[in-house]
PDB file of N, CA and C in Angstrom:
ATOM      1  N   UNK A   1       0.633  -1.260   0.007  1.00  0.00           N
ATOM      2  CA  UNK A   1      -0.120   0.261   0.035  1.00  0.00           C
ATOM      3  C   UNK A   1       0.827   1.406   0.346  1.00  0.00           C
ATOM      4  N   UNK A   2       0.469   2.422  -0.998  1.00  0.00           N
ATOM      5  CA  UNK A   2       1.293   3.594  -0.785  1.00  0.00           C
ATOM      6  C   UNK A   2       1.233   4.522   0.384  1.00  0.00           C
ATOM      7  N   UNK A   3       2.099   4.915   0.722  1.00  0.00           N
ATOM      8  CA  UNK A   3       2.180   5.646   1.789  1.00  0.00           C
ATOM      9  C   UNK A   3       2.094   7.067   1.744  1.00  0.00           C
ATOM     10  N   UNK A   4       0.833   7.652   2.402  1.00  0.00           N
ATOM     11  CA  UNK A   4       0.473   9.177   2.142  1.00  0.00           C
ATOM     12  C   UNK A   4       0.941   9.896   2.933  1.00  0.00           C
ATOM     13  N   UNK A   5       1.658  10.872   2.270  1.00  0.00           N
ATOM     14  CA  UNK A   5       2.322  12.190   2.926  1.00  0.00           C
ATOM     15  C   UNK A   5       1.546  13.163   3.069  1.00  0.00           C
ATOM     16  N   UNK A   6       1.783  13.733   4.063  1.00  0.00           N
ATOM     17  CA  UNK A   6       0.931  14.986   4.538  1.00  0.00           C
ATOM     18  C   UNK A   6       1.632  16.040   4.185  1.00  0.00           C
ATOM     19  N   UNK A   7       1.248  17.342   3.690  1.00  0.00           N
ATOM     20  CA  UNK A   7       2.156  18.470   3.357  1.00  0.00           C
ATOM     21  C   UNK A   7       1.031  19.534   4.178  1.00  0.00           C
ATOM     22  N   UNK A   8       1.799  20.462   5.043  1.00  0.00           N
ATOM     23  CA  UNK A   8       1.000  21.292   5.610  1.00  0.00           C
ATOM     24  C   UNK A   8       0.927  22.420   4.790  1.00  0.00           C
ATOM     25  N   UNK A   9       0.127  23.315   4.775  1.00  0.00           N
ATOM     26  CA  UNK A   9       0.143  24.900   3.892  1.00  0.00           C
ATOM     27  C   UNK A   9      -0.136  25.756   5.254  1.00  0.00           C
ATOM     28  N   UNK A  10       1.208  26.467   5.419  1.00  0.00           N
ATOM     29  CA  UNK A  10       1.062  27.900   6.351  1.00  0.00           C
ATOM     30  C   UNK A  10       0.625  28.793   6.070  1.00  0.00           C
ATOM     31  N   UNK A  11      -0.112  29.599   6.444  1.00  0.00           N
ATOM     32  CA  UNK A  11      -0.436  30.966   6.317  1.00  0.00           C
ATOM     33  C   UNK A  11       0.518  31.924   6.391  1.00  0.00           C
ATOM     34  N   UNK A  12       0.297  33.260   5.781  1.00  0.00           N
ATOM     35  CA  UNK A  12       1.247  33.892   5.849  1.00  0.00           C
ATOM     36  C   UNK A  12       2.080  34.415   7.328  1.00  0.00           C
ATOM     37  N   UNK A  13       1.115  34.659   8.000  1.00  0.00           N
ATOM     38  CA  UNK A  13       1.416  35.101   9.412  1.00  0.00           C
ATOM     39  C   UNK A  13       2.580  34.020  10.249  1.00  0.00           C
ATOM     40  N   UNK A  14       2.142  32.705   9.619  1.00  0.00           N
ATOM     41  CA  UNK A  14       3.162  31.542  10.320  1.00  0.00           C
ATOM     42  C   UNK A  14       4.551  31.529   9.593  1.00  0.00           C
ATOM     43  N   UNK A  15       4.421  31.653   8.400  1.00  0.00           N
ATOM     44  CA  UNK A  15       5.679  32.103   7.607  1.00  0.00           C
ATOM     45  C   UNK A  15       6.418  33.069   8.377  1.00  0.00           C
ATOM     46  N   UNK A  16       5.825  34.345   8.574  1.00  0.00           N
ATOM     47  CA  UNK A  16       6.735  35.291   8.892  1.00  0.00           C
ATOM     48  C   UNK A  16       7.100  35.189  10.313  1.00  0.00           C
ATOM     49  N   UNK A  17       6.595  34.278  11.412  1.00  0.00           N
ATOM     50  CA  UNK A  17       7.158  34.141  12.493  1.00  0.00           C
ATOM     51  C   UNK A  17       8.153  33.096  12.083  1.00  0.00           C
ATOM     52  N   UNK A  18       8.016  32.069  11.642  1.00  0.00           N
ATOM     53  CA  UNK A  18       9.063  31.108  11.403  1.00  0.00           C
ATOM     54  C   UNK A  18      10.508  31.591  10.658  1.00  0.00           C
ATOM     55  N   UNK A  19      10.084  32.649   9.436  1.00  0.00           N
ATOM     56  CA  UNK A  19      11.236  32.958   9.163  1.00  0.00           C
ATOM     57  C   UNK A  19      11.626  34.246   9.415  1.00  0.00           C
ATOM     58  N   UNK A  20      11.316  35.324  10.322  1.00  0.00           N
ATOM     59  CA  UNK A  20      11.634  36.357  11.108  1.00  0.00           C
ATOM     60  C   UNK A  20      11.668  37.607  10.086  1.00  0.00           C
ATOM     61  N   UNK A  21      11.068  37.215   8.833  1.00  0.00           N
ATOM     62  CA  UNK A  21      10.748  38.252   7.743  1.00  0.00           C
ATOM     63  C   UNK A  21       9.603  38.912   7.944  1.00  0.00           C
ATOM     64  N   UNK A  22      10.405  40.483   7.692  1.00  0.00           N
ATOM     65  CA  UNK A  22       8.852  41.399   7.870  1.00  0.00           C
ATOM     66  C   UNK A  22       7.978  41.256   6.430  1.00  0.00           C
ATOM     67  N   UNK A  23       6.843  41.860   6.639  1.00  0.00           N
ATOM     68  CA  UNK A  23       5.899  41.924   5.367  1.00  0.00           C
ATOM     69  C   UNK A  23       6.414  42.005   4.096  1.00  0.00           C
ATOM     70  N   UNK A  24       7.105  43.496   4.159  1.00  0.00           N
ATOM     71  CA  UNK A  24       7.685  43.985   2.907  1.00  0.00           C
ATOM     72  C   UNK A  24       9.013  42.930   2.201  1.00  0.00           C
ATOM     73  N   UNK A  25      10.023  42.176   3.397  1.00  0.00           N
ATOM     74  CA  UNK A  25      10.823  41.651   3.310  1.00  0.00           C
ATOM     75  C   UNK A  25      10.314  40.194   2.403  1.00  0.00           C
ATOM     76  N   UNK A  26       9.073  39.704   2.941  1.00  0.00           N
ATOM     77  CA  UNK A  26       8.330  38.593   2.452  1.00  0.00           C
ATOM     78  C   UNK A  26       8.191  38.571   0.852  1.00  0.00           C
ATOM     79  N   UNK A  27       7.487  39.885   0.799  1.00  0.00           N
ATOM     80  CA  UNK A  27       6.935  39.829  -0.722  1.00  0.00           C
ATOM     81  C   UNK A  27       7.985  40.285  -1.609  1.00  0.00           C
ATOM     82  N   UNK A  28       9.068  41.056  -0.906  1.00  0.00           N
ATOM     83  CA  UNK A  28      10.103  41.277  -2.065  1.00  0.00           C
ATOM     84  C   UNK A  28      10.650  39.899  -2.483  1.00  0.00           C
ATOM     85  N   UNK A  29      10.854  39.051  -1.368  1.00  0.00           N
ATOM     86  CA  UNK A  29      11.548  37.726  -1.672  1.00  0.00           C
ATOM     87  C   UNK A  29      11.043  37.056  -2.672  1.00  0.00           C
ATOM     88  N   UNK A  30       9.575  36.873  -2.546  1.00  0.00           N
ATOM     89  CA  UNK A  30       8.533  36.526  -3.676  1.00  0.00           C
ATOM     90  C   UNK A  30       8.977  36.984  -4.845  1.00  0.00           C
ATOM     91  N   UNK A  31       8.831  38.204  -4.932  1.00  0.00           N
ATOM     92  CA  UNK A  31       9.211  38.975  -6.435  1.00  0.00           C
ATOM     93  C   UNK A  31      10.365  38.769  -7.008  1.00  0.00           C
ATOM     94  N   UNK A  32      11.554  38.373  -5.940  1.00  0.00           N
ATOM     95  CA  UNK A  32      13.067  38.381  -6.548  1.00  0.00           C
ATOM     96  C   UNK A  32      13.084  36.566  -6.923  1.00  0.00           C
ATOM     97  N   UNK A  33      12.215  35.702  -6.515  1.00  0.00           N
ATOM     98  CA  UNK A  33      12.438  34.384  -6.739  1.00  0.00           C
ATOM     99  C   UNK A  33      12.820  33.620  -5.531  1.00  0.00           C
ATOM    100  N   UNK A  34      13.372  34.227  -4.295  1.00  0.00           N
ATOM    101  CA  UNK A  34      13.832  33.667  -3.399  1.00  0.00           C
ATOM    102  C   UNK A  34      12.823  32.563  -2.689  1.00  0.00           C
ATOM    103  N   UNK A  35      11.603  33.107  -2.659  1.00  0.00           N
ATOM    104  CA  UNK A  35      10.374  32.199  -2.075  1.00  0.00           C
ATOM    105  C   UNK A  35       9.478  31.963  -3.126  1.00  0.00           C
ATOM    106  N   UNK A  36       8.565  31.253  -3.610  1.00  0.00           N
ATOM    107  CA  UNK A  36       7.817  30.715  -4.267  1.00  0.00           C
ATOM    108  C   UNK A  36       6.521  31.479  -3.674  1.00  0.00           C
ATOM    109  N   UNK A  37       5.649  32.120  -4.838  1.00  0.00           N
ATOM    110  CA  UNK A  37       4.283  32.385  -4.295  1.00  0.00           C
ATOM    111  C   UNK A  37       3.268  31.608  -3.960  1.00  0.00           C
ATOM    112  N   UNK A  38       2.547  31.836  -3.138  1.00  0.00           N
ATOM    113  CA  UNK A  38       1.515  30.729  -2.125  1.00  0.00           C
ATOM    114  C   UNK A  38       0.663  30.199  -2.973  1.00  0.00           C
ATOM    115  N   UNK A  39       0.427  29.088  -2.627  1.00  0.00           N
ATOM    116  CA  UNK A  39      -0.580  28.183  -3.279  1.00  0.00           C
ATOM    117  C   UNK A  39      -2.227  28.913  -2.632  1.00  0.00           C
ATOM    118  N   UNK A  40      -3.162  28.946  -3.804  1.00  0.00           N
ATOM    119  CA  UNK A  40      -4.553  29.378  -3.653  1.00  0.00           C
ATOM    120  C   UNK A  40      -5.045  28.332  -2.700  1.00  0.00           C
ATOM    121  N   UNK A  41      -5.648  28.652  -1.536  1.00  0.00           N
ATOM    122  CA  UNK A  41      -6.586  27.666  -0.718  1.00  0.00           C
ATOM    123  C   UNK A  41      -7.842  28.337  -0.799  1.00  0.00           C
ATOM    124  N   UNK A  42      -8.159  29.280  -1.323  1.00  0.00           N
ATOM    125  CA  UNK A  42      -9.440  30.083  -0.953  1.00  0.00           C
ATOM    126  C   UNK A  42      -9.635  31.121  -2.046  1.00  0.00           C
ATOM    127  N   UNK A  43     -10.725  31.575  -2.263  1.00  0.00           N
ATOM    128  CA  UNK A  43     -10.605  32.774  -3.200  1.00  0.00           C
ATOM    129  C   UNK A  43      -9.831  33.782  -2.887  1.00  0.00           C
ATOM    130  N   UNK A  44      -9.408  34.228  -1.487  1.00  0.00           N
ATOM    131  CA  UNK A  44      -8.495  35.388  -1.195  1.00  0.00           C
ATOM    132  C   UNK A  44      -7.659  34.541  -0.318  1.00  0.00           C
ATOM    133  N   UNK A  45      -7.433  33.281  -0.138  1.00  0.00           N
ATOM    134  CA  UNK A  45      -6.408  32.814   0.877  1.00  0.00           C
ATOM    135  C   UNK A  45      -5.381  32.097   0.223  1.00  0.00           C
ATOM    136  N   UNK A  46      -4.198  32.031   0.910  1.00  0.00           N
ATOM    137  CA  UNK A  46      -2.904  31.330   0.110  1.00  0.00           C
ATOM    138  C   UNK A  46      -2.352  30.853   1.156  1.00  0.00           C
ATOM    139  N   UNK A  47      -1.709  29.809   1.058  1.00  0.00           N
ATOM    140  CA  UNK A  47      -0.645  29.195   1.770  1.00  0.00           C
ATOM    141  C   UNK A  47       0.674  28.823   1.208  1.00  0.00           C
ATOM    142  N   UNK A  48       1.584  28.496   1.923  1.00  0.00           N
ATOM    143  CA  UNK A  48       2.911  27.952   1.832  1.00  0.00           C
ATOM    144  C   UNK A  48       3.245  26.730   2.081  1.00  0.00           C
ATOM    145  N   UNK A  49       4.073  25.902   1.185  1.00  0.00           N
ATOM    146  CA  UNK A  49       3.764  24.613   1.900  1.00  0.00           C
ATOM    147  C   UNK A  49       5.140  24.537   3.091  1.00  0.00           C
ATOM    148  N   UNK A  50       4.743  23.940   3.838  1.00  0.00           N
ATOM    149  CA  UNK A  50       5.836  24.082   5.045  1.00  0.00           C
ATOM    150  C   UNK A  50       6.912  23.241   4.673  1.00  0.00           C
ATOM    151  N   UNK A  51       7.137  22.399   3.524  1.00  0.00           N
ATOM    152  CA  UNK A  51       8.398  21.915   3.367  1.00  0.00           C
ATOM    153  C   UNK A  51       9.361  22.992   2.461  1.00  0.00           C
ATOM    154  N   UNK A  52       8.597  23.903   1.455  1.00  0.00           N
ATOM    155  CA  UNK A  52       9.467  25.107   1.108  1.00  0.00           C
ATOM    156  C   UNK A  52       9.872  26.163   1.932  1.00  0.00           C
ATOM    157  N   UNK A  53       9.049  26.327   2.965  1.00  0.00           N
ATOM    158  CA  UNK A  53       9.253  27.148   4.062  1.00  0.00           C
ATOM    159  C   UNK A  53      10.517  26.751   4.695  1.00  0.00           C
ATOM    160  N   UNK A  54      10.835  25.510   5.523  1.00  0.00           N
ATOM    161  CA  UNK A  54      11.742  24.783   5.930  1.00  0.00           C
ATOM    162  C   UNK A  54      12.722  24.539   5.104  1.00  0.00           C
ATOM    163  N   UNK A  55      12.883  24.420   3.658  1.00  0.00           N
ATOM    164  CA  UNK A  55      13.884  24.512   2.986  1.00  0.00           C
ATOM    165  C   UNK A  55      14.863  25.707   2.667  1.00  0.00           C
ATOM    166  N   UNK A  56      13.940  26.846   2.847  1.00  0.00           N
ATOM    167  CA  UNK A  56      14.557  28.157   2.724  1.00  0.00           C
ATOM    168  C   UNK A  56      15.034  28.487   4.010  1.00  0.00           C
ATOM    169  N   UNK A  57      14.790  28.071   5.238  1.00  0.00           N
ATOM    170  CA  UNK A  57      15.209  28.058   6.532  1.00  0.00           C
ATOM    171  C   UNK A  57      16.610  27.310   6.352  1.00  0.00           C
ATOM    172  N   UNK A  58      16.697  26.461   5.939  1.00  0.00           N
ATOM    173  CA  UNK A  58      17.976  25.576   5.854  1.00  0.00           C
ATOM    174  C   UNK A  58      18.914  25.724   4.778  1.00  0.00           C
ATOM    175  N   UNK A  59      18.309  26.532   3.743  1.00  0.00           N
ATOM    176  CA  UNK A  59      19.324  27.395   3.001  1.00  0.00           C
ATOM    177  C   UNK A  59      20.086  28.321   3.481  1.00  0.00           C
ATOM    178  N   UNK A  60      19.465  29.175   4.617  1.00  0.00           N
ATOM    179  CA  UNK A  60      19.673  30.198   5.121  1.00  0.00           C
ATOM    180  C   UNK A  60      21.084  29.699   6.162  1.00  0.00           C
ATOM    181  N   UNK A  61      20.573  28.745   6.799  1.00  0.00           N
ATOM    182  CA  UNK A  61      21.586  28.086   7.859  1.00  0.00           C
ATOM    183  C   UNK A  61      23.033  27.669   7.001  1.00  0.00           C
ATOM    184  N   UNK A  62      22.435  26.876   5.943  1.00  0.00           N
ATOM    185  CA  UNK A  62      23.730  26.746   5.158  1.00  0.00           C
ATOM    186  C   UNK A  62      24.479  27.793   4.405  1.00  0.00           C
ATOM    187  N   UNK A  63      24.091  28.658   4.400  1.00  0.00           N
ATOM    188  CA  UNK A  63      24.595  29.949   3.601  1.00  0.00           C
ATOM    189  C   UNK A  63      25.420  30.403   4.739  1.00  0.00           C
ATOM    190  N   UNK A  64      25.150  30.397   5.674  1.00  0.00           N
ATOM    191  CA  UNK A  64      25.902  30.897   7.364  1.00  0.00           C
ATOM    192  C   UNK A  64      27.039  30.152   7.305  1.00  0.00           C
ATOM    193  N   UNK A  65      26.856  28.699   7.373  1.00  0.00           N
ATOM    194  CA  UNK A  65      28.144  27.585   7.612  1.00  0.00           C
ATOM    195  C   UNK A  65      28.862  27.939   6.494  1.00  0.00           C
ATOM    196  N   UNK A  66      28.646  28.370   5.252  1.00  0.00           N
ATOM    197  CA  UNK A  66      29.463  28.179   3.861  1.00  0.00           C
ATOM    198  C   UNK A  66      30.296  29.732   4.111  1.00  0.00           C
ATOM    199  N   UNK A  67      29.326  30.663   4.864  1.00  0.00           N
ATOM    200  CA  UNK A  67      30.267  31.946   5.112  1.00  0.00           C
ATOM    201  C   UNK A  67      31.250  31.856   5.972  1.00  0.00           C
ATOM    202  N   UNK A  68      31.197  31.013   7.126  1.00  0.00           N
ATOM    203  CA  UNK A  68      31.769  30.850   8.507  1.00  0.00           C
ATOM    204  C   UNK A  68      33.011  29.789   7.992  1.00  0.00           C
ATOM    205  N   UNK A  69      32.621  29.084   6.970  1.00  0.00           N
ATOM    206  CA  UNK A  69      33.824  28.173   6.822  1.00  0.00           C
ATOM    207  C   UNK A  69      34.956  29.064   5.828  1.00  0.00           C
ATOM    208  N   UNK A  70      34.452  30.139   5.250  1.00  0.00           N
ATOM    209  CA  UNK A  70      35.392  31.012   4.088  1.00  0.00           C
ATOM    210  C   UNK A  70      36.124  31.979   5.154  1.00  0.00           C
ATOM    211  N   UNK A  71      35.686  32.129   6.357  1.00  0.00           N
ATOM    212  CA  UNK A  71      36.122  33.302   6.943  1.00  0.00           C
ATOM    213  C   UNK A  71      37.362  32.409   7.926  1.00  0.00           C
ATOM    214  N   UNK A  72      36.726  31.031   8.150  1.00  0.00           N
ATOM    215  CA  UNK A  72      38.144  30.583   9.389  1.00  0.00           C
ATOM    216  C   UNK A  72      39.631  30.248   8.345  1.00  0.00           C
TER     217      UNK A  72
END
């Protein structure tokens, strides 16, 4: 039997809290292609896949580690 994977969709407020981004930085990152646009979940609602937000956070951590390695 196939395993069913669940993906959570996070609302903007949750994404901002997890990433520490401001509202304007969040939309600038979407415009720049750093973050993907939200997934429509209603007529005026969007959600962001938790896995994509977690991948963004991990890329920030990896970037820090890369910079730290170059400085040493």
